[in-house]
Amino acid sequence: MRPIRLLVIMLMGFAGLAACQTIAPTPPVTTADKFAPLAINARRLEIIDNWQMTVEAPYVGHRAQTLPSNLLADWAAQVLQPAGGSGELIFDILRASVIRIELPMKAGITNFLTDQQESKIKAEFVVNIMWLQPVGGTQARVELRADHSATIAESATANDLQTTIQTVLMAALTTLDQQARVELAKINKITLP
């Protein structure tokens, strides 16, 4: 009777361990699909990537699901839709970076036992949008700058870092989208109804 009880207890223990498997949460998806398109008075859109991403510290953009410059290019192709006319819209990516900034840690016995903020992840976008309209000689240029940052605790896992990178990228892209809509609305006849 005793070996059977021991066997049942062991089986219940293994079943409990098997049921306690942890699955790492997946980071949020970075995509430009959620942004509504704008009908631009142009016959074509040209995307120029003038940003050379580095893979050396403090840059961590290469760890993102979608490279920051590719995310910007996807956004431009999704949002800035050429809808006719004789002009040309140029989307020039000047900066598309994600960096990790180390934060100073507090010393002392009380801080030794706490989970401090170890670093900050910052996404930064700088783009120029140029609208060239040969008929009538109209030209316009808008420079957009957007950034967003979030801190990471010293106990953060690699998955937490990945999630933070994706989160700050989408927040910076959302800010850029809002700025672009405000600035383009100021330019006469650049958008079509």
N, C-alpha and C. Protein backbone atom coordinates (compact mmCIF):
# COMPACT_ATOMS: atom_id res chain seq x y z
N MET A 1 0.81 -1.19 0.00
CA MET A 1 0.00 0.00 0.00
C MET A 1 0.86 1.26 0.00
N ARG A 2 1.94 1.19 0.70
CA ARG A 2 2.81 2.34 0.81
C ARG A 2 3.46 2.69 -0.53
N PRO A 3 3.97 1.74 -1.33
CA PRO A 3 4.56 2.09 -2.62
C PRO A 3 3.54 2.70 -3.59
N ILE A 4 2.29 2.27 -3.49
CA ILE A 4 1.26 2.82 -4.39
C ILE A 4 0.99 4.28 -4.02
N ARG A 5 0.92 4.54 -2.71
CA ARG A 5 0.70 5.91 -2.26
C ARG A 5 1.85 6.81 -2.70
N LEU A 6 3.07 6.34 -2.57
CA LEU A 6 4.25 7.09 -2.99
C LEU A 6 4.21 7.34 -4.50
N LEU A 7 3.80 6.34 -5.26
CA LEU A 7 3.70 6.48 -6.71
C LEU A 7 2.62 7.51 -7.09
N VAL A 8 1.49 7.48 -6.40
CA VAL A 8 0.41 8.45 -6.67
C VAL A 8 0.87 9.86 -6.33
N ILE A 9 1.55 10.02 -5.21
CA ILE A 9 2.05 11.35 -4.82
C ILE A 9 3.06 11.85 -5.84
N MET A 10 3.95 10.97 -6.32
CA MET A 10 4.95 11.37 -7.32
C MET A 10 4.27 11.76 -8.63
N LEU A 11 3.28 10.98 -9.05
CA LEU A 11 2.56 11.30 -10.29
C LEU A 11 1.82 12.63 -10.17
N MET A 12 1.22 12.87 -9.01
CA MET A 12 0.54 14.16 -8.81
C MET A 12 1.54 15.31 -8.81
N GLY A 13 2.69 15.08 -8.25
CA GLY A 13 3.74 16.11 -8.25
C GLY A 13 4.22 16.43 -9.66
N PHE A 14 4.46 15.37 -10.46
CA PHE A 14 4.88 15.59 -11.85
C PHE A 14 3.79 16.28 -12.67
N ALA A 15 2.54 15.89 -12.42
CA ALA A 15 1.42 16.53 -13.12
C ALA A 15 1.33 18.00 -12.75
N GLY A 16 1.56 18.30 -11.48
CA GLY A 16 1.55 19.70 -11.04
C GLY A 16 2.67 20.50 -11.66
N LEU A 17 3.85 19.91 -11.74
CA LEU A 17 4.98 20.59 -12.38
C LEU A 17 4.72 20.81 -13.88
N ALA A 18 4.15 19.82 -14.53
CA ALA A 18 3.85 19.95 -15.95
C ALA A 18 2.81 21.04 -16.20
N ALA A 19 1.88 21.20 -15.29
CA ALA A 19 0.83 22.21 -15.44
C ALA A 19 1.36 23.61 -15.17
N CYS A 20 2.50 23.73 -14.50
CA CYS A 20 3.04 25.03 -14.12
C CYS A 20 4.04 25.58 -15.14
N GLN A 21 4.06 25.07 -16.33
CA GLN A 21 4.99 25.60 -17.33
C GLN A 21 4.65 27.05 -17.61
N THR A 22 5.68 27.86 -17.66
CA THR A 22 5.46 29.28 -17.96
C THR A 22 5.82 29.53 -19.41
N ILE A 23 5.00 30.31 -20.05
CA ILE A 23 5.24 30.69 -21.43
C ILE A 23 5.47 32.19 -21.46
N ALA A 24 6.58 32.58 -22.03
CA ALA A 24 6.90 34.01 -22.09
C ALA A 24 5.88 34.73 -22.96
N PRO A 25 5.38 35.87 -22.50
CA PRO A 25 4.43 36.63 -23.32
C PRO A 25 5.13 37.15 -24.57
N THR A 26 4.40 37.23 -25.65
CA THR A 26 4.98 37.72 -26.89
C THR A 26 4.97 39.24 -26.89
N PRO A 27 6.03 39.86 -27.40
CA PRO A 27 6.07 41.33 -27.46
C PRO A 27 5.00 41.85 -28.42
N PRO A 28 4.58 43.10 -28.22
CA PRO A 28 3.57 43.65 -29.12
C PRO A 28 4.12 43.74 -30.55
N VAL A 29 3.25 43.64 -31.51
CA VAL A 29 3.65 43.66 -32.91
C VAL A 29 3.81 45.12 -33.37
N THR A 30 4.89 45.39 -34.06
CA THR A 30 5.08 46.72 -34.63
C THR A 30 4.71 46.67 -36.10
N THR A 31 3.69 47.42 -36.44
CA THR A 31 3.23 47.45 -37.82
C THR A 31 2.58 48.81 -38.09
N ALA A 32 2.63 49.22 -39.32
CA ALA A 32 2.04 50.51 -39.71
C ALA A 32 0.61 50.34 -40.23
N ASP A 33 0.06 49.14 -40.12
CA ASP A 33 -1.26 48.86 -40.67
C ASP A 33 -2.40 49.57 -39.96
N LYS A 34 -2.20 49.99 -38.72
CA LYS A 34 -3.30 50.58 -37.96
C LYS A 34 -3.56 52.05 -38.31
N PHE A 35 -2.69 52.67 -39.10
CA PHE A 35 -2.82 54.09 -39.42
C PHE A 35 -3.65 54.29 -40.68
N ALA A 36 -4.58 55.25 -40.63
CA ALA A 36 -5.47 55.53 -41.75
C ALA A 36 -4.70 56.26 -42.86
N PRO A 37 -4.94 55.90 -44.12
CA PRO A 37 -4.23 56.55 -45.22
C PRO A 37 -4.75 57.96 -45.49
N LEU A 38 -3.86 58.78 -46.06
CA LEU A 38 -4.20 60.12 -46.51
C LEU A 38 -4.06 60.15 -48.03
N ALA A 39 -5.04 60.73 -48.72
CA ALA A 39 -4.96 60.87 -50.18
C ALA A 39 -4.12 62.12 -50.48
N ILE A 40 -2.94 61.90 -51.04
CA ILE A 40 -2.01 63.00 -51.31
C ILE A 40 -2.10 63.42 -52.77
N ASN A 41 -2.07 64.70 -53.00
CA ASN A 41 -2.11 65.27 -54.34
C ASN A 41 -0.73 65.12 -54.99
N ALA A 42 -0.43 63.91 -55.41
CA ALA A 42 0.85 63.60 -56.05
C ALA A 42 0.67 62.34 -56.90
N ARG A 43 1.51 62.22 -57.91
CA ARG A 43 1.42 61.04 -58.77
C ARG A 43 2.28 59.89 -58.25
N ARG A 44 3.27 60.22 -57.41
CA ARG A 44 4.12 59.16 -56.87
C ARG A 44 4.73 59.55 -55.54
N LEU A 45 5.11 58.54 -54.77
CA LEU A 45 5.77 58.70 -53.49
C LEU A 45 7.15 58.07 -53.59
N GLU A 46 8.15 58.84 -53.21
CA GLU A 46 9.52 58.32 -53.20
C GLU A 46 10.00 58.28 -51.76
N ILE A 47 10.49 57.12 -51.33
CA ILE A 47 11.00 56.95 -49.97
C ILE A 47 12.51 56.84 -50.04
N ILE A 48 13.19 57.73 -49.33
CA ILE A 48 14.65 57.74 -49.30
C ILE A 48 15.10 57.44 -47.88
N ASP A 49 15.96 56.44 -47.72
CA ASP A 49 16.47 56.07 -46.40
C ASP A 49 17.91 56.56 -46.28
N ASN A 50 18.09 57.71 -45.64
CA ASN A 50 19.42 58.29 -45.44
C ASN A 50 20.01 57.93 -44.08
N TRP A 51 19.40 57.00 -43.37
CA TRP A 51 19.87 56.64 -42.03
C TRP A 51 20.65 55.34 -42.09
N GLN A 52 21.85 55.36 -41.58
CA GLN A 52 22.67 54.16 -41.47
C GLN A 52 22.60 53.67 -40.03
N MET A 53 21.91 52.56 -39.83
CA MET A 53 21.76 52.04 -38.47
C MET A 53 23.03 51.31 -38.06
N THR A 54 23.46 51.60 -36.87
CA THR A 54 24.62 50.91 -36.33
C THR A 54 24.17 49.82 -35.36
N VAL A 55 24.98 48.82 -35.18
CA VAL A 55 24.64 47.73 -34.25
C VAL A 55 25.55 47.76 -33.02
N GLU A 56 26.20 48.88 -32.80
CA GLU A 56 27.07 49.03 -31.64
C GLU A 56 26.31 49.75 -30.54
N ALA A 57 26.74 49.52 -29.30
CA ALA A 57 26.11 50.19 -28.16
C ALA A 57 26.25 51.69 -28.32
N PRO A 58 25.27 52.44 -27.97
CA PRO A 58 24.04 52.15 -27.23
C PRO A 58 22.86 51.78 -28.13
N TYR A 59 23.08 51.60 -29.44
CA TYR A 59 21.98 51.33 -30.37
C TYR A 59 21.48 49.89 -30.22
N VAL A 60 20.14 49.74 -30.13
CA VAL A 60 19.53 48.42 -30.01
C VAL A 60 18.39 48.25 -31.03
N GLY A 61 18.33 49.12 -32.03
CA GLY A 61 17.27 49.05 -33.04
C GLY A 61 17.31 47.76 -33.85
N HIS A 62 18.49 47.16 -33.96
CA HIS A 62 18.61 45.90 -34.70
C HIS A 62 17.91 44.74 -34.00
N ARG A 63 17.51 44.93 -32.73
CA ARG A 63 16.81 43.89 -31.99
C ARG A 63 15.30 43.94 -32.19
N ALA A 64 14.81 44.98 -32.84
CA ALA A 64 13.37 45.14 -33.05
C ALA A 64 12.86 44.12 -34.06
N GLN A 65 11.57 43.78 -33.97
CA GLN A 65 10.97 42.86 -34.93
C GLN A 65 11.09 43.40 -36.34
N THR A 66 10.79 44.68 -36.50
CA THR A 66 10.93 45.37 -37.78
C THR A 66 11.93 46.49 -37.56
N LEU A 67 12.94 46.59 -38.42
CA LEU A 67 13.93 47.65 -38.25
C LEU A 67 13.23 49.01 -38.26
N PRO A 68 13.69 49.95 -37.43
CA PRO A 68 13.01 51.25 -37.34
C PRO A 68 12.86 51.97 -38.68
N SER A 69 13.86 51.94 -39.55
CA SER A 69 13.74 52.62 -40.85
C SER A 69 12.74 51.89 -41.74
N ASN A 70 12.67 50.57 -41.65
CA ASN A 70 11.66 49.82 -42.41
C ASN A 70 10.26 50.11 -41.90
N LEU A 71 10.13 50.29 -40.59
CA LEU A 71 8.83 50.65 -40.01
C LEU A 71 8.37 52.01 -40.53
N LEU A 72 9.30 52.97 -40.60
CA LEU A 72 8.97 54.29 -41.14
C LEU A 72 8.59 54.20 -42.61
N ALA A 73 9.31 53.42 -43.38
CA ALA A 73 9.00 53.26 -44.80
C ALA A 73 7.62 52.62 -44.98
N ASP A 74 7.30 51.63 -44.15
CA ASP A 74 5.98 50.99 -44.20
C ASP A 74 4.89 52.00 -43.85
N TRP A 75 5.16 52.84 -42.85
CA TRP A 75 4.19 53.87 -42.47
C TRP A 75 3.95 54.83 -43.63
N ALA A 76 5.02 55.29 -44.26
CA ALA A 76 4.89 56.23 -45.38
C ALA A 76 4.10 55.60 -46.52
N ALA A 77 4.38 54.35 -46.84
CA ALA A 77 3.66 53.68 -47.93
C ALA A 77 2.19 53.46 -47.57
N GLN A 78 1.90 53.24 -46.28
CA GLN A 78 0.53 53.01 -45.83
C GLN A 78 -0.27 54.31 -45.76
N VAL A 79 0.35 55.38 -45.24
CA VAL A 79 -0.38 56.61 -44.94
C VAL A 79 -0.35 57.61 -46.09
N LEU A 80 0.79 57.83 -46.68
CA LEU A 80 0.95 58.87 -47.70
C LEU A 80 0.64 58.28 -49.08
N GLN A 81 -0.63 58.13 -49.39
CA GLN A 81 -1.08 57.47 -50.61
C GLN A 81 -1.19 58.47 -51.77
N PRO A 82 -0.36 58.34 -52.82
CA PRO A 82 -0.52 59.19 -54.00
C PRO A 82 -1.89 58.94 -54.63
N ALA A 83 -2.63 60.03 -54.88
CA ALA A 83 -4.00 59.87 -55.39
C ALA A 83 -4.23 60.69 -56.65
N GLY A 84 -3.17 60.96 -57.40
CA GLY A 84 -3.32 61.71 -58.65
C GLY A 84 -2.66 63.06 -58.55
N GLY A 85 -2.68 63.76 -59.65
CA GLY A 85 -2.01 65.05 -59.72
C GLY A 85 -0.71 64.94 -60.48
N SER A 86 0.03 66.01 -60.51
CA SER A 86 1.27 66.01 -61.27
C SER A 86 2.50 66.07 -60.38
N GLY A 87 2.29 66.16 -59.10
CA GLY A 87 3.41 66.36 -58.19
C GLY A 87 4.07 65.08 -57.73
N GLU A 88 5.02 65.28 -56.83
CA GLU A 88 5.80 64.18 -56.28
C GLU A 88 5.96 64.42 -54.79
N LEU A 89 5.86 63.36 -54.00
CA LEU A 89 6.05 63.44 -52.56
C LEU A 89 7.31 62.65 -52.22
N ILE A 90 8.22 63.29 -51.51
CA ILE A 90 9.48 62.64 -51.13
C ILE A 90 9.50 62.50 -49.61
N PHE A 91 9.66 61.28 -49.14
CA PHE A 91 9.73 60.96 -47.72
C PHE A 91 11.17 60.58 -47.41
N ASP A 92 11.89 61.45 -46.72
CA ASP A 92 13.33 61.29 -46.48
C ASP A 92 13.56 60.94 -45.01
N ILE A 93 14.05 59.73 -44.75
CA ILE A 93 14.33 59.27 -43.39
C ILE A 93 15.73 59.72 -43.00
N LEU A 94 15.81 60.65 -42.04
CA LEU A 94 17.09 61.17 -41.58
C LEU A 94 17.61 60.44 -40.34
N ARG A 95 16.68 59.96 -39.51
CA ARG A 95 17.07 59.22 -38.30
C ARG A 95 15.95 58.28 -37.92
N ALA A 96 16.31 57.05 -37.62
CA ALA A 96 15.36 56.03 -37.15
C ALA A 96 16.12 55.13 -36.19
N SER A 97 16.25 55.59 -34.95
CA SER A 97 17.11 54.87 -34.01
C SER A 97 16.37 54.45 -32.76
N VAL A 98 16.89 53.40 -32.15
CA VAL A 98 16.47 52.97 -30.82
C VAL A 98 17.76 52.78 -30.03
N ILE A 99 17.86 53.49 -28.92
CA ILE A 99 19.07 53.40 -28.11
C ILE A 99 18.73 52.98 -26.68
N ARG A 100 19.71 52.40 -26.02
CA ARG A 100 19.58 52.01 -24.62
C ARG A 100 20.52 52.89 -23.82
N ILE A 101 19.95 53.66 -22.90
CA ILE A 101 20.72 54.60 -22.09
C ILE A 101 20.81 54.05 -20.67
N GLU A 102 22.02 53.85 -20.19
CA GLU A 102 22.22 53.35 -18.83
C GLU A 102 21.90 54.46 -17.84
N LEU A 103 21.13 54.13 -16.82
CA LEU A 103 20.77 55.08 -15.77
C LEU A 103 21.66 54.85 -14.55
N PRO A 104 22.00 55.91 -13.81
CA PRO A 104 22.83 55.72 -12.62
C PRO A 104 22.06 54.96 -11.54
N MET A 105 22.73 54.00 -10.95
CA MET A 105 22.12 53.20 -9.89
C MET A 105 22.46 53.85 -8.54
N LYS A 106 21.49 53.86 -7.64
CA LYS A 106 21.70 54.42 -6.31
C LYS A 106 22.45 53.41 -5.45
N ALA A 107 23.37 53.91 -4.68
CA ALA A 107 24.15 53.05 -3.79
C ALA A 107 23.49 53.01 -2.42
N GLY A 108 23.87 52.05 -1.62
CA GLY A 108 23.36 51.96 -0.26
C GLY A 108 22.68 50.63 -0.01
N ILE A 109 22.60 50.28 1.24
CA ILE A 109 22.02 48.99 1.63
C ILE A 109 20.53 48.93 1.33
N THR A 110 19.82 50.04 1.49
CA THR A 110 18.38 50.02 1.23
C THR A 110 18.10 49.88 -0.26
N ASN A 111 18.95 50.45 -1.10
CA ASN A 111 18.76 50.34 -2.54
C ASN A 111 19.23 49.00 -3.08
N PHE A 112 20.07 48.30 -2.31
CA PHE A 112 20.55 46.99 -2.71
C PHE A 112 19.41 45.98 -2.77
N LEU A 113 18.42 46.16 -1.94
CA LEU A 113 17.31 45.22 -1.85
C LEU A 113 16.13 45.59 -2.75
N THR A 114 16.21 46.70 -3.47
CA THR A 114 15.10 47.13 -4.33
C THR A 114 15.45 46.90 -5.80
N ASP A 115 14.42 46.83 -6.60
CA ASP A 115 14.57 46.65 -8.05
C ASP A 115 14.59 48.03 -8.69
N GLN A 116 15.78 48.55 -8.97
CA GLN A 116 15.93 49.89 -9.50
C GLN A 116 15.76 49.91 -11.02
N GLN A 117 15.55 51.11 -11.55
CA GLN A 117 15.48 51.30 -12.99
C GLN A 117 16.91 51.35 -13.52
N GLU A 118 17.26 50.35 -14.32
CA GLU A 118 18.65 50.19 -14.77
C GLU A 118 18.96 51.00 -16.03
N SER A 119 18.01 51.02 -16.97
CA SER A 119 18.27 51.71 -18.23
C SER A 119 16.98 52.23 -18.83
N LYS A 120 17.14 53.05 -19.86
CA LYS A 120 16.01 53.64 -20.56
C LYS A 120 16.16 53.32 -22.04
N ILE A 121 15.06 52.91 -22.66
CA ILE A 121 15.03 52.64 -24.10
C ILE A 121 14.36 53.84 -24.76
N LYS A 122 15.02 54.42 -25.77
CA LYS A 122 14.48 55.61 -26.43
C LYS A 122 14.46 55.39 -27.94
N ALA A 123 13.28 55.58 -28.53
CA ALA A 123 13.12 55.53 -29.99
C ALA A 123 13.03 56.96 -30.49
N GLU A 124 13.72 57.25 -31.59
CA GLU A 124 13.73 58.61 -32.14
C GLU A 124 13.63 58.55 -33.66
N PHE A 125 12.70 59.33 -34.21
CA PHE A 125 12.50 59.44 -35.65
C PHE A 125 12.67 60.90 -36.07
N VAL A 126 13.38 61.11 -37.17
CA VAL A 126 13.47 62.43 -37.80
C VAL A 126 13.30 62.19 -39.30
N VAL A 127 12.28 62.84 -39.88
CA VAL A 127 12.01 62.69 -41.31
C VAL A 127 11.70 64.05 -41.94
N ASN A 128 11.96 64.15 -43.23
CA ASN A 128 11.54 65.30 -44.03
C ASN A 128 10.50 64.81 -45.03
N ILE A 129 9.45 65.57 -45.17
CA ILE A 129 8.47 65.30 -46.22
C ILE A 129 8.50 66.51 -47.15
N MET A 130 8.81 66.24 -48.42
CA MET A 130 8.87 67.32 -49.42
C MET A 130 7.80 67.06 -50.48
N TRP A 131 7.07 68.11 -50.82
CA TRP A 131 6.02 68.02 -51.83
C TRP A 131 6.41 68.96 -52.96
N LEU A 132 6.64 68.41 -54.12
CA LEU A 132 7.05 69.18 -55.30
C LEU A 132 5.93 69.12 -56.32
N GLN A 133 5.40 70.26 -56.68
CA GLN A 133 4.28 70.36 -57.62
C GLN A 133 4.74 71.20 -58.82
N PRO A 134 5.11 70.56 -59.95
CA PRO A 134 5.63 71.32 -61.09
C PRO A 134 4.58 72.25 -61.72
N VAL A 135 3.32 71.86 -61.70
CA VAL A 135 2.28 72.72 -62.25
C VAL A 135 1.99 73.80 -61.20
N GLY A 136 2.29 75.02 -61.53
CA GLY A 136 2.11 76.12 -60.59
C GLY A 136 3.34 76.38 -59.74
N GLY A 137 4.34 75.51 -59.80
CA GLY A 137 5.59 75.73 -59.07
C GLY A 137 5.46 75.69 -57.55
N THR A 138 4.50 74.95 -57.04
CA THR A 138 4.29 74.87 -55.59
C THR A 138 5.26 73.87 -54.97
N GLN A 139 5.83 74.26 -53.82
CA GLN A 139 6.71 73.37 -53.07
C GLN A 139 6.41 73.52 -51.59
N ALA A 140 6.60 72.46 -50.87
CA ALA A 140 6.43 72.50 -49.42
C ALA A 140 7.39 71.49 -48.79
N ARG A 141 7.85 71.82 -47.57
CA ARG A 141 8.75 70.93 -46.85
C ARG A 141 8.35 70.94 -45.38
N VAL A 142 8.28 69.75 -44.82
CA VAL A 142 7.92 69.58 -43.42
C VAL A 142 8.97 68.68 -42.78
N GLU A 143 9.51 69.12 -41.64
CA GLU A 143 10.43 68.26 -40.89
C GLU A 143 9.68 67.77 -39.65
N LEU A 144 9.67 66.47 -39.46
CA LEU A 144 8.97 65.87 -38.33
C LEU A 144 10.00 65.21 -37.40
N ARG A 145 9.80 65.41 -36.10
CA ARG A 145 10.64 64.78 -35.07
C ARG A 145 9.74 64.14 -34.04
N ALA A 146 9.98 62.90 -33.76
CA ALA A 146 9.18 62.20 -32.74
C ALA A 146 10.09 61.26 -31.96
N ASP A 147 9.85 61.19 -30.67
CA ASP A 147 10.59 60.24 -29.84
C ASP A 147 9.71 59.78 -28.69
N HIS A 148 10.11 58.68 -28.11
CA HIS A 148 9.42 58.13 -26.95
C HIS A 148 10.42 57.27 -26.19
N SER A 149 10.31 57.27 -24.87
CA SER A 149 11.22 56.44 -24.08
C SER A 149 10.48 55.78 -22.92
N ALA A 150 11.07 54.71 -22.44
CA ALA A 150 10.54 53.97 -21.29
C ALA A 150 11.71 53.34 -20.55
N THR A 151 11.57 53.22 -19.23
CA THR A 151 12.65 52.65 -18.43
C THR A 151 12.46 51.15 -18.25
N ILE A 152 13.57 50.50 -17.93
CA ILE A 152 13.58 49.05 -17.70
C ILE A 152 14.21 48.80 -16.34
N ALA A 153 13.58 47.93 -15.57
CA ALA A 153 14.11 47.57 -14.25
C ALA A 153 15.33 46.68 -14.39
N GLU A 154 16.15 46.66 -13.35
CA GLU A 154 17.36 45.84 -13.41
C GLU A 154 17.04 44.35 -13.43
N SER A 155 15.84 43.97 -13.03
CA SER A 155 15.45 42.56 -13.05
C SER A 155 14.80 42.17 -14.37
N ALA A 156 14.81 43.05 -15.35
CA ALA A 156 14.13 42.79 -16.63
C ALA A 156 14.77 41.63 -17.38
N THR A 157 13.91 40.86 -18.03
CA THR A 157 14.38 39.74 -18.84
C THR A 157 14.61 40.22 -20.28
N ALA A 158 15.14 39.34 -21.10
CA ALA A 158 15.33 39.66 -22.52
C ALA A 158 13.98 39.92 -23.20
N ASN A 159 12.95 39.21 -22.77
CA ASN A 159 11.61 39.42 -23.32
C ASN A 159 11.07 40.79 -22.91
N ASP A 160 11.36 41.22 -21.68
CA ASP A 160 10.94 42.55 -21.23
C ASP A 160 11.62 43.64 -22.07
N LEU A 161 12.90 43.43 -22.38
CA LEU A 161 13.63 44.38 -23.22
C LEU A 161 13.00 44.44 -24.61
N GLN A 162 12.70 43.30 -25.19
CA GLN A 162 12.08 43.24 -26.51
C GLN A 162 10.72 43.93 -26.52
N THR A 163 9.93 43.69 -25.49
CA THR A 163 8.62 44.31 -25.37
C THR A 163 8.75 45.83 -25.27
N THR A 164 9.71 46.29 -24.50
CA THR A 164 9.92 47.74 -24.35
C THR A 164 10.36 48.36 -25.66
N ILE A 165 11.23 47.70 -26.41
CA ILE A 165 11.66 48.21 -27.71
C ILE A 165 10.46 48.37 -28.64
N GLN A 166 9.62 47.34 -28.70
CA GLN A 166 8.45 47.40 -29.57
C GLN A 166 7.48 48.50 -29.12
N THR A 167 7.30 48.64 -27.82
CA THR A 167 6.37 49.64 -27.28
C THR A 167 6.83 51.06 -27.60
N VAL A 168 8.12 51.35 -27.39
CA VAL A 168 8.59 52.71 -27.66
C VAL A 168 8.59 53.01 -29.16
N LEU A 169 8.86 52.02 -29.99
CA LEU A 169 8.79 52.23 -31.45
C LEU A 169 7.38 52.61 -31.88
N MET A 170 6.39 51.88 -31.40
CA MET A 170 5.01 52.18 -31.79
C MET A 170 4.54 53.52 -31.23
N ALA A 171 4.97 53.86 -30.02
CA ALA A 171 4.59 55.15 -29.44
C ALA A 171 5.22 56.30 -30.23
N ALA A 172 6.49 56.17 -30.62
CA ALA A 172 7.14 57.21 -31.42
C ALA A 172 6.49 57.32 -32.80
N LEU A 173 6.12 56.19 -33.39
CA LEU A 173 5.47 56.20 -34.70
C LEU A 173 4.09 56.84 -34.61
N THR A 174 3.36 56.60 -33.54
CA THR A 174 2.05 57.22 -33.34
C THR A 174 2.20 58.74 -33.21
N THR A 175 3.21 59.19 -32.48
CA THR A 175 3.47 60.63 -32.36
C THR A 175 3.81 61.23 -33.72
N LEU A 176 4.64 60.53 -34.50
CA LEU A 176 5.01 61.01 -35.83
C LEU A 176 3.78 61.10 -36.73
N ASP A 177 2.90 60.11 -36.65
CA ASP A 177 1.68 60.11 -37.44
C ASP A 177 0.81 61.32 -37.10
N GLN A 178 0.65 61.60 -35.82
CA GLN A 178 -0.15 62.74 -35.40
C GLN A 178 0.46 64.06 -35.88
N GLN A 179 1.79 64.19 -35.75
CA GLN A 179 2.46 65.40 -36.22
C GLN A 179 2.30 65.57 -37.73
N ALA A 180 2.45 64.48 -38.47
CA ALA A 180 2.35 64.55 -39.93
C ALA A 180 0.97 65.03 -40.35
N ARG A 181 -0.07 64.53 -39.73
CA ARG A 181 -1.43 64.93 -40.08
C ARG A 181 -1.66 66.41 -39.80
N VAL A 182 -1.15 66.91 -38.67
CA VAL A 182 -1.30 68.33 -38.32
C VAL A 182 -0.54 69.21 -39.31
N GLU A 183 0.72 68.84 -39.59
CA GLU A 183 1.55 69.67 -40.47
C GLU A 183 1.07 69.63 -41.92
N LEU A 184 0.66 68.47 -42.40
CA LEU A 184 0.18 68.38 -43.78
C LEU A 184 -1.15 69.12 -43.97
N ALA A 185 -1.94 69.20 -42.92
CA ALA A 185 -3.21 69.94 -43.01
C ALA A 185 -2.97 71.43 -43.20
N LYS A 186 -1.80 71.92 -42.81
CA LYS A 186 -1.45 73.34 -42.96
C LYS A 186 -1.06 73.69 -44.39
N ILE A 187 -0.74 72.68 -45.20
CA ILE A 187 -0.29 72.94 -46.59
C ILE A 187 -1.50 72.92 -47.51
N ASN A 188 -1.68 73.99 -48.24
CA ASN A 188 -2.82 74.15 -49.12
C ASN A 188 -2.76 73.15 -50.28
N LYS A 189 -3.82 72.38 -50.46
CA LYS A 189 -4.05 71.46 -51.57
C LYS A 189 -3.10 70.25 -51.61
N ILE A 190 -2.46 69.91 -50.50
CA ILE A 190 -1.60 68.72 -50.52
C ILE A 190 -2.42 67.44 -50.36
N THR A 191 -3.52 67.52 -49.62
CA THR A 191 -4.39 66.35 -49.47
C THR A 191 -5.64 66.52 -50.31
N LEU A 192 -6.14 65.40 -50.78
CA LEU A 192 -7.36 65.39 -51.59
C LEU A 192 -8.50 64.84 -50.74
N PRO A 193 -9.76 65.27 -51.04
CA PRO A 193 -10.89 64.77 -50.27
C PRO A 193 -11.15 63.30 -50.51
